[in-house]
């Protein structure tokens, strides 16, 4: 029962993302990590988030600076996981 509720919640969450204006604030100072799909290539920390959103039909706007007016976006993600290391 717990798993069916979790799956239902995930499906509802992803369906809410469709048609949304999404902004990804690439705030990681240019830090790169090995690409999980191609270990000879390096990608920014925002790449996995971008790929997950794209796989669900959402094309996010990605920038390293925030605009003064962010009201056009419904969802804003910030990648700052290892910001201090950049």
PDB file of N, CA and C in Angstrom:
ATOM      1  N   UNK A   1       0.823  -1.196   0.000  1.00  0.00           N
ATOM      2  CA  UNK A   1       0.000   0.000   0.000  1.00  0.00           C
ATOM      3  C   UNK A   1       0.870   1.264   0.000  1.00  0.00           C
ATOM      4  N   UNK A   2       1.952   1.237   0.795  1.00  0.00           N
ATOM      5  CA  UNK A   2       2.833   2.402   0.859  1.00  0.00           C
ATOM      6  C   UNK A   2       3.429   2.705  -0.511  1.00  0.00           C
ATOM      7  N   UNK A   3       3.838   1.645  -1.224  1.00  0.00           N
ATOM      8  CA  UNK A   3       4.465   1.839  -2.525  1.00  0.00           C
ATOM      9  C   UNK A   3       3.487   2.375  -3.558  1.00  0.00           C
ATOM     10  N   UNK A   4       2.255   1.929  -3.505  1.00  0.00           N
ATOM     11  CA  UNK A   4       1.274   2.428  -4.471  1.00  0.00           C
ATOM     12  C   UNK A   4       0.977   3.907  -4.227  1.00  0.00           C
ATOM     13  N   UNK A   5       0.961   4.325  -2.966  1.00  0.00           N
ATOM     14  CA  UNK A   5       0.753   5.741  -2.654  1.00  0.00           C
ATOM     15  C   UNK A   5       1.949   6.555  -3.131  1.00  0.00           C
ATOM     16  N   UNK A   6       3.159   6.038  -2.912  1.00  0.00           N
ATOM     17  CA  UNK A   6       4.372   6.726  -3.350  1.00  0.00           C
ATOM     18  C   UNK A   6       4.402   6.868  -4.874  1.00  0.00           C
ATOM     19  N   UNK A   7       4.076   5.813  -5.578  1.00  0.00           N
ATOM     20  CA  UNK A   7       4.048   5.853  -7.041  1.00  0.00           C
ATOM     21  C   UNK A   7       3.000   6.845  -7.518  1.00  0.00           C
ATOM     22  N   UNK A   8       1.835   6.842  -6.896  1.00  0.00           N
ATOM     23  CA  UNK A   8       0.781   7.791  -7.258  1.00  0.00           C
ATOM     24  C   UNK A   8       1.244   9.231  -7.027  1.00  0.00           C
ATOM     25  N   UNK A   9       1.910   9.480  -5.904  1.00  0.00           N
ATOM     26  CA  UNK A   9       2.416  10.823  -5.612  1.00  0.00           C
ATOM     27  C   UNK A   9       3.454  11.259  -6.639  1.00  0.00           C
ATOM     28  N   UNK A  10       4.335  10.348  -7.034  1.00  0.00           N
ATOM     29  CA  UNK A  10       5.348  10.673  -8.042  1.00  0.00           C
ATOM     30  C   UNK A  10       4.706  10.983  -9.389  1.00  0.00           C
ATOM     31  N   UNK A  11       3.720  10.187  -9.771  1.00  0.00           N
ATOM     32  CA  UNK A  11       3.034  10.435 -11.043  1.00  0.00           C
ATOM     33  C   UNK A  11       2.322  11.781 -11.047  1.00  0.00           C
ATOM     34  N   UNK A  12       1.685  12.102  -9.938  1.00  0.00           N
ATOM     35  CA  UNK A  12       0.998  13.391  -9.835  1.00  0.00           C
ATOM     36  C   UNK A  12       2.018  14.524  -9.876  1.00  0.00           C
ATOM     37  N   UNK A  13       3.153  14.354  -9.197  1.00  0.00           N
ATOM     38  CA  UNK A  13       4.191  15.382  -9.182  1.00  0.00           C
ATOM     39  C   UNK A  13       4.728  15.644 -10.578  1.00  0.00           C
ATOM     40  N   UNK A  14       5.020  14.571 -11.323  1.00  0.00           N
ATOM     41  CA  UNK A  14       5.537  14.740 -12.669  1.00  0.00           C
ATOM     42  C   UNK A  14       4.492  15.343 -13.600  1.00  0.00           C
ATOM     43  N   UNK A  15       3.235  14.997 -13.406  1.00  0.00           N
ATOM     44  CA  UNK A  15       2.207  15.573 -14.270  1.00  0.00           C
ATOM     45  C   UNK A  15       2.039  17.065 -13.986  1.00  0.00           C
ATOM     46  N   UNK A  16       2.298  17.487 -12.761  1.00  0.00           N
ATOM     47  CA  UNK A  16       2.222  18.910 -12.437  1.00  0.00           C
ATOM     48  C   UNK A  16       3.356  19.691 -13.091  1.00  0.00           C
ATOM     49  N   UNK A  17       4.496  19.022 -13.337  1.00  0.00           N
ATOM     50  CA  UNK A  17       5.619  19.691 -13.979  1.00  0.00           C
ATOM     51  C   UNK A  17       5.351  20.003 -15.448  1.00  0.00           C
ATOM     52  N   UNK A  18       4.524  19.202 -16.093  1.00  0.00           N
ATOM     53  CA  UNK A  18       4.271  19.406 -17.507  1.00  0.00           C
ATOM     54  C   UNK A  18       3.603  20.755 -17.737  1.00  0.00           C
ATOM     55  N   UNK A  19       4.129  21.491 -18.652  1.00  0.00           N
ATOM     56  CA  UNK A  19       3.563  22.793 -18.956  1.00  0.00           C
ATOM     57  C   UNK A  19       4.001  23.890 -18.015  1.00  0.00           C
ATOM     58  N   UNK A  20       4.955  23.615 -17.179  1.00  0.00           N
ATOM     59  CA  UNK A  20       5.434  24.604 -16.227  1.00  0.00           C
ATOM     60  C   UNK A  20       6.655  25.327 -16.791  1.00  0.00           C
ATOM     61  N   UNK A  21       6.852  26.562 -16.384  1.00  0.00           N
ATOM     62  CA  UNK A  21       8.061  27.306 -16.717  1.00  0.00           C
ATOM     63  C   UNK A  21       9.061  27.056 -15.600  1.00  0.00           C
ATOM     64  N   UNK A  22      10.134  26.360 -15.946  1.00  0.00           N
ATOM     65  CA  UNK A  22      11.117  25.936 -14.950  1.00  0.00           C
ATOM     66  C   UNK A  22      12.438  26.649 -15.201  1.00  0.00           C
ATOM     67  N   UNK A  23      13.047  27.156 -14.136  1.00  0.00           N
ATOM     68  CA  UNK A  23      14.353  27.805 -14.203  1.00  0.00           C
ATOM     69  C   UNK A  23      15.333  27.032 -13.337  1.00  0.00           C
ATOM     70  N   UNK A  24      16.512  26.749 -13.882  1.00  0.00           N
ATOM     71  CA  UNK A  24      17.578  26.093 -13.121  1.00  0.00           C
ATOM     72  C   UNK A  24      18.687  27.116 -12.938  1.00  0.00           C
ATOM     73  N   UNK A  25      18.926  27.479 -11.688  1.00  0.00           N
ATOM     74  CA  UNK A  25      19.981  28.433 -11.345  1.00  0.00           C
ATOM     75  C   UNK A  25      21.268  27.643 -11.164  1.00  0.00           C
ATOM     76  N   UNK A  26      22.162  27.726 -12.124  1.00  0.00           N
ATOM     77  CA  UNK A  26      23.425  26.994 -12.121  1.00  0.00           C
ATOM     78  C   UNK A  26      24.428  27.761 -11.258  1.00  0.00           C
ATOM     79  N   UNK A  27      24.362  27.521  -9.958  1.00  0.00           N
ATOM     80  CA  UNK A  27      25.108  28.304  -8.977  1.00  0.00           C
ATOM     81  C   UNK A  27      26.270  27.503  -8.382  1.00  0.00           C
ATOM     82  N   UNK A  28      26.918  26.682  -9.183  1.00  0.00           N
ATOM     83  CA  UNK A  28      27.966  25.813  -8.645  1.00  0.00           C
ATOM     84  C   UNK A  28      29.386  26.249  -8.999  1.00  0.00           C
ATOM     85  N   UNK A  29      29.544  27.488  -9.454  1.00  0.00           N
ATOM     86  CA  UNK A  29      30.865  28.037  -9.799  1.00  0.00           C
ATOM     87  C   UNK A  29      31.591  27.222 -10.849  1.00  0.00           C
ATOM     88  N   UNK A  30      30.867  26.595 -11.766  1.00  0.00           N
ATOM     89  CA  UNK A  30      31.502  25.860 -12.850  1.00  0.00           C
ATOM     90  C   UNK A  30      32.072  24.503 -12.481  1.00  0.00           C
ATOM     91  N   UNK A  31      31.687  23.971 -11.326  1.00  0.00           N
ATOM     92  CA  UNK A  31      32.168  22.656 -10.910  1.00  0.00           C
ATOM     93  C   UNK A  31      31.656  21.604 -11.892  1.00  0.00           C
ATOM     94  N   UNK A  32      32.533  20.679 -12.277  1.00  0.00           N
ATOM     95  CA  UNK A  32      32.143  19.595 -13.182  1.00  0.00           C
ATOM     96  C   UNK A  32      32.400  18.252 -12.512  1.00  0.00           C
ATOM     97  N   UNK A  33      31.632  17.263 -12.947  1.00  0.00           N
ATOM     98  CA  UNK A  33      31.761  15.898 -12.445  1.00  0.00           C
ATOM     99  C   UNK A  33      31.805  14.958 -13.655  1.00  0.00           C
ATOM    100  N   UNK A  34      32.324  13.735 -13.482  1.00  0.00           N
ATOM    101  CA  UNK A  34      32.296  12.785 -14.596  1.00  0.00           C
ATOM    102  C   UNK A  34      30.852  12.492 -15.008  1.00  0.00           C
ATOM    103  N   UNK A  35      30.618  12.467 -16.314  1.00  0.00           N
ATOM    104  CA  UNK A  35      29.295  12.165 -16.848  1.00  0.00           C
ATOM    105  C   UNK A  35      28.970  10.702 -16.567  1.00  0.00           C
ATOM    106  N   UNK A  36      27.862  10.404 -15.869  1.00  0.00           N
ATOM    107  CA  UNK A  36      27.520   9.014 -15.562  1.00  0.00           C
ATOM    108  C   UNK A  36      27.310   8.160 -16.811  1.00  0.00           C
ATOM    109  N   UNK A  37      26.917   8.791 -17.921  1.00  0.00           N
ATOM    110  CA  UNK A  37      26.669   8.041 -19.143  1.00  0.00           C
ATOM    111  C   UNK A  37      27.907   7.937 -20.035  1.00  0.00           C
ATOM    112  N   UNK A  38      28.898   8.786 -19.801  1.00  0.00           N
ATOM    113  CA  UNK A  38      30.131   8.775 -20.586  1.00  0.00           C
ATOM    114  C   UNK A  38      31.282   9.195 -19.678  1.00  0.00           C
ATOM    115  N   UNK A  39      31.953   8.233 -19.018  1.00  0.00           N
ATOM    116  CA  UNK A  39      32.970   8.567 -18.021  1.00  0.00           C
ATOM    117  C   UNK A  39      34.169   9.335 -18.572  1.00  0.00           C
ATOM    118  N   UNK A  40      34.319   9.438 -19.886  1.00  0.00           N
ATOM    119  CA  UNK A  40      35.417  10.200 -20.471  1.00  0.00           C
ATOM    120  C   UNK A  40      35.049  11.663 -20.656  1.00  0.00           C
ATOM    121  N   UNK A  41      33.824  12.005 -20.329  1.00  0.00           N
ATOM    122  CA  UNK A  41      33.328  13.362 -20.500  1.00  0.00           C
ATOM    123  C   UNK A  41      32.960  13.932 -19.134  1.00  0.00           C
ATOM    124  N   UNK A  42      33.038  15.244 -18.981  1.00  0.00           N
ATOM    125  CA  UNK A  42      32.653  15.909 -17.739  1.00  0.00           C
ATOM    126  C   UNK A  42      31.459  16.816 -18.003  1.00  0.00           C
ATOM    127  N   UNK A  43      30.569  16.894 -17.023  1.00  0.00           N
ATOM    128  CA  UNK A  43      29.366  17.729 -17.140  1.00  0.00           C
ATOM    129  C   UNK A  43      29.200  18.553 -15.870  1.00  0.00           C
ATOM    130  N   UNK A  44      28.435  19.616 -15.972  1.00  0.00           N
ATOM    131  CA  UNK A  44      28.127  20.438 -14.805  1.00  0.00           C
ATOM    132  C   UNK A  44      27.118  19.737 -13.907  1.00  0.00           C
ATOM    133  N   UNK A  45      27.007  20.229 -12.695  1.00  0.00           N
ATOM    134  CA  UNK A  45      26.080  19.620 -11.735  1.00  0.00           C
ATOM    135  C   UNK A  45      24.625  19.725 -12.182  1.00  0.00           C
ATOM    136  N   UNK A  46      24.326  20.683 -13.050  1.00  0.00           N
ATOM    137  CA  UNK A  46      22.952  20.872 -13.508  1.00  0.00           C
ATOM    138  C   UNK A  46      22.542  19.865 -14.577  1.00  0.00           C
ATOM    139  N   UNK A  47      23.492  19.118 -15.127  1.00  0.00           N
ATOM    140  CA  UNK A  47      23.195  18.216 -16.246  1.00  0.00           C
ATOM    141  C   UNK A  47      22.196  17.124 -15.863  1.00  0.00           C
ATOM    142  N   UNK A  48      22.343  16.527 -14.701  1.00  0.00           N
ATOM    143  CA  UNK A  48      21.418  15.459 -14.289  1.00  0.00           C
ATOM    144  C   UNK A  48      20.007  15.999 -14.085  1.00  0.00           C
ATOM    145  N   UNK A  49      19.918  17.173 -13.487  1.00  0.00           N
ATOM    146  CA  UNK A  49      18.605  17.798 -13.289  1.00  0.00           C
ATOM    147  C   UNK A  49      17.968  18.133 -14.638  1.00  0.00           C
ATOM    148  N   UNK A  50      18.761  18.678 -15.554  1.00  0.00           N
ATOM    149  CA  UNK A  50      18.266  18.994 -16.894  1.00  0.00           C
ATOM    150  C   UNK A  50      17.799  17.731 -17.610  1.00  0.00           C
ATOM    151  N   UNK A  51      18.579  16.658 -17.519  1.00  0.00           N
ATOM    152  CA  UNK A  51      18.199  15.402 -18.180  1.00  0.00           C
ATOM    153  C   UNK A  51      16.910  14.828 -17.596  1.00  0.00           C
ATOM    154  N   UNK A  52      16.760  14.896 -16.274  1.00  0.00           N
ATOM    155  CA  UNK A  52      15.540  14.380 -15.638  1.00  0.00           C
ATOM    156  C   UNK A  52      14.317  15.192 -16.062  1.00  0.00           C
ATOM    157  N   UNK A  53      14.471  16.502 -16.111  1.00  0.00           N
ATOM    158  CA  UNK A  53      13.348  17.339 -16.538  1.00  0.00           C
ATOM    159  C   UNK A  53      13.014  17.097 -18.008  1.00  0.00           C
ATOM    160  N   UNK A  54      14.053  17.012 -18.852  1.00  0.00           N
ATOM    161  CA  UNK A  54      13.824  16.758 -20.282  1.00  0.00           C
ATOM    162  C   UNK A  54      13.133  15.419 -20.507  1.00  0.00           C
ATOM    163  N   UNK A  55      13.513  14.408 -19.734  1.00  0.00           N
ATOM    164  CA  UNK A  55      12.893  13.090 -19.868  1.00  0.00           C
ATOM    165  C   UNK A  55      11.409  13.128 -19.526  1.00  0.00           C
ATOM    166  N   UNK A  56      10.995  14.140 -18.768  1.00  0.00           N
ATOM    167  CA  UNK A  56       9.595  14.276 -18.397  1.00  0.00           C
ATOM    168  C   UNK A  56       8.886  15.375 -19.190  1.00  0.00           C
ATOM    169  N   UNK A  57       9.496  15.769 -20.309  1.00  0.00           N
ATOM    170  CA  UNK A  57       8.851  16.715 -21.195  1.00  0.00           C
ATOM    171  C   UNK A  57       8.968  18.165 -20.794  1.00  0.00           C
ATOM    172  N   UNK A  58       9.879  18.495 -19.894  1.00  0.00           N
ATOM    173  CA  UNK A  58      10.049  19.867 -19.433  1.00  0.00           C
ATOM    174  C   UNK A  58      11.397  20.383 -19.934  1.00  0.00           C
ATOM    175  N   UNK A  59      11.400  21.533 -20.586  1.00  0.00           N
ATOM    176  CA  UNK A  59      12.637  22.146 -21.061  1.00  0.00           C
ATOM    177  C   UNK A  59      12.915  23.361 -20.178  1.00  0.00           C
ATOM    178  N   UNK A  60      13.889  23.233 -19.265  1.00  0.00           N
ATOM    179  CA  UNK A  60      14.139  24.327 -18.335  1.00  0.00           C
ATOM    180  C   UNK A  60      15.014  25.416 -18.954  1.00  0.00           C
ATOM    181  N   UNK A  61      14.869  26.625 -18.443  1.00  0.00           N
ATOM    182  CA  UNK A  61      15.811  27.700 -18.741  1.00  0.00           C
ATOM    183  C   UNK A  61      16.947  27.545 -17.729  1.00  0.00           C
ATOM    184  N   UNK A  62      18.191  27.615 -18.200  1.00  0.00           N
ATOM    185  CA  UNK A  62      19.340  27.432 -17.313  1.00  0.00           C
ATOM    186  C   UNK A  62      20.251  28.642 -17.439  1.00  0.00           C
ATOM    187  N   UNK A  63      20.632  29.217 -16.292  1.00  0.00           N
ATOM    188  CA  UNK A  63      21.544  30.361 -16.301  1.00  0.00           C
ATOM    189  C   UNK A  63      22.300  30.388 -14.975  1.00  0.00           C
ATOM    190  N   UNK A  64      23.467  31.031 -14.983  1.00  0.00           N
ATOM    191  CA  UNK A  64      24.264  31.112 -13.760  1.00  0.00           C
ATOM    192  C   UNK A  64      23.951  32.370 -12.953  1.00  0.00           C
ATOM    193  N   UNK A  65      23.112  33.249 -13.493  1.00  0.00           N
ATOM    194  CA  UNK A  65      22.704  34.443 -12.755  1.00  0.00           C
ATOM    195  C   UNK A  65      21.180  34.497 -12.675  1.00  0.00           C
ATOM    196  N   UNK A  66      20.715  35.140 -11.642  1.00  0.00           N
ATOM    197  CA  UNK A  66      19.271  35.318 -11.473  1.00  0.00           C
ATOM    198  C   UNK A  66      18.853  36.662 -12.048  1.00  0.00           C
ATOM    199  N   UNK A  67      17.772  36.663 -12.770  1.00  0.00           N
ATOM    200  CA  UNK A  67      17.221  37.920 -13.278  1.00  0.00           C
ATOM    201  C   UNK A  67      16.528  38.658 -12.132  1.00  0.00           C
ATOM    202  N   UNK A  68      16.284  39.914 -12.324  1.00  0.00           N
ATOM    203  CA  UNK A  68      15.606  40.689 -11.293  1.00  0.00           C
ATOM    204  C   UNK A  68      14.167  40.251 -11.074  1.00  0.00           C
ATOM    205  N   UNK A  69      13.503  39.851 -12.142  1.00  0.00           N
ATOM    206  CA  UNK A  69      12.095  39.454 -12.063  1.00  0.00           C
ATOM    207  C   UNK A  69      11.974  37.982 -12.458  1.00  0.00           C
ATOM    208  N   UNK A  70      11.653  37.149 -11.499  1.00  0.00           N
ATOM    209  CA  UNK A  70      11.535  35.706 -11.743  1.00  0.00           C
ATOM    210  C   UNK A  70      10.082  35.251 -11.734  1.00  0.00           C
ATOM    211  N   UNK A  71       9.151  36.181 -11.847  1.00  0.00           N
ATOM    212  CA  UNK A  71       7.734  35.832 -11.741  1.00  0.00           C
ATOM    213  C   UNK A  71       7.231  34.985 -12.912  1.00  0.00           C
ATOM    214  N   UNK A  72       7.953  34.955 -14.025  1.00  0.00           N
ATOM    215  CA  UNK A  72       7.503  34.143 -15.159  1.00  0.00           C
ATOM    216  C   UNK A  72       7.722  32.655 -14.930  1.00  0.00           C
ATOM    217  N   UNK A  73       8.512  32.303 -13.905  1.00  0.00           N
ATOM    218  CA  UNK A  73       8.815  30.899 -13.635  1.00  0.00           C
ATOM    219  C   UNK A  73       7.932  30.354 -12.525  1.00  0.00           C
ATOM    220  N   UNK A  74       7.460  29.127 -12.746  1.00  0.00           N
ATOM    221  CA  UNK A  74       6.628  28.466 -11.746  1.00  0.00           C
ATOM    222  C   UNK A  74       7.477  27.706 -10.734  1.00  0.00           C
ATOM    223  N   UNK A  75       8.632  27.196 -11.197  1.00  0.00           N
ATOM    224  CA  UNK A  75       9.515  26.399 -10.356  1.00  0.00           C
ATOM    225  C   UNK A  75      10.945  26.868 -10.581  1.00  0.00           C
ATOM    226  N   UNK A  76      11.705  27.034  -9.492  1.00  0.00           N
ATOM    227  CA  UNK A  76      13.116  27.420  -9.590  1.00  0.00           C
ATOM    228  C   UNK A  76      13.944  26.413  -8.810  1.00  0.00           C
ATOM    229  N   UNK A  77      14.914  25.794  -9.498  1.00  0.00           N
ATOM    230  CA  UNK A  77      15.871  24.891  -8.857  1.00  0.00           C
ATOM    231  C   UNK A  77      17.213  25.607  -8.777  1.00  0.00           C
ATOM    232  N   UNK A  78      17.973  25.365  -7.713  1.00  0.00           N
ATOM    233  CA  UNK A  78      19.320  25.922  -7.579  1.00  0.00           C
ATOM    234  C   UNK A  78      20.303  24.774  -7.353  1.00  0.00           C
ATOM    235  N   UNK A  79      21.328  24.710  -8.195  1.00  0.00           N
ATOM    236  CA  UNK A  79      22.353  23.689  -8.002  1.00  0.00           C
ATOM    237  C   UNK A  79      23.508  24.333  -7.253  1.00  0.00           C
ATOM    238  N   UNK A  80      23.646  23.987  -6.008  1.00  0.00           N
ATOM    239  CA  UNK A  80      24.719  24.555  -5.181  1.00  0.00           C
ATOM    240  C   UNK A  80      25.262  23.490  -4.234  1.00  0.00           C
ATOM    241  N   UNK A  81      25.232  22.240  -4.656  1.00  0.00           N
ATOM    242  CA  UNK A  81      25.607  21.122  -3.781  1.00  0.00           C
ATOM    243  C   UNK A  81      26.999  21.229  -3.214  1.00  0.00           C
ATOM    244  N   UNK A  82      27.969  21.567  -4.050  1.00  0.00           N
ATOM    245  CA  UNK A  82      29.332  21.697  -3.554  1.00  0.00           C
ATOM    246  C   UNK A  82      29.863  23.066  -3.923  1.00  0.00           C
ATOM    247  N   UNK A  83      29.065  24.079  -3.711  1.00  0.00           N
ATOM    248  CA  UNK A  83      29.361  25.454  -4.115  1.00  0.00           C
ATOM    249  C   UNK A  83      30.675  25.948  -3.521  1.00  0.00           C
ATOM    250  N   UNK A  84      30.974  25.564  -2.289  1.00  0.00           N
ATOM    251  CA  UNK A  84      32.180  26.058  -1.616  1.00  0.00           C
ATOM    252  C   UNK A  84      33.453  25.532  -2.256  1.00  0.00           C
ATOM    253  N   UNK A  85      33.380  24.467  -3.020  1.00  0.00           N
ATOM    254  CA  UNK A  85      34.567  23.871  -3.598  1.00  0.00           C
ATOM    255  C   UNK A  85      34.938  24.505  -4.935  1.00  0.00           C
ATOM    256  N   UNK A  86      34.030  25.307  -5.522  1.00  0.00           N
ATOM    257  CA  UNK A  86      34.231  25.839  -6.865  1.00  0.00           C
ATOM    258  C   UNK A  86      35.282  26.877  -6.979  1.00  0.00           C
TER     259      UNK A  86
END
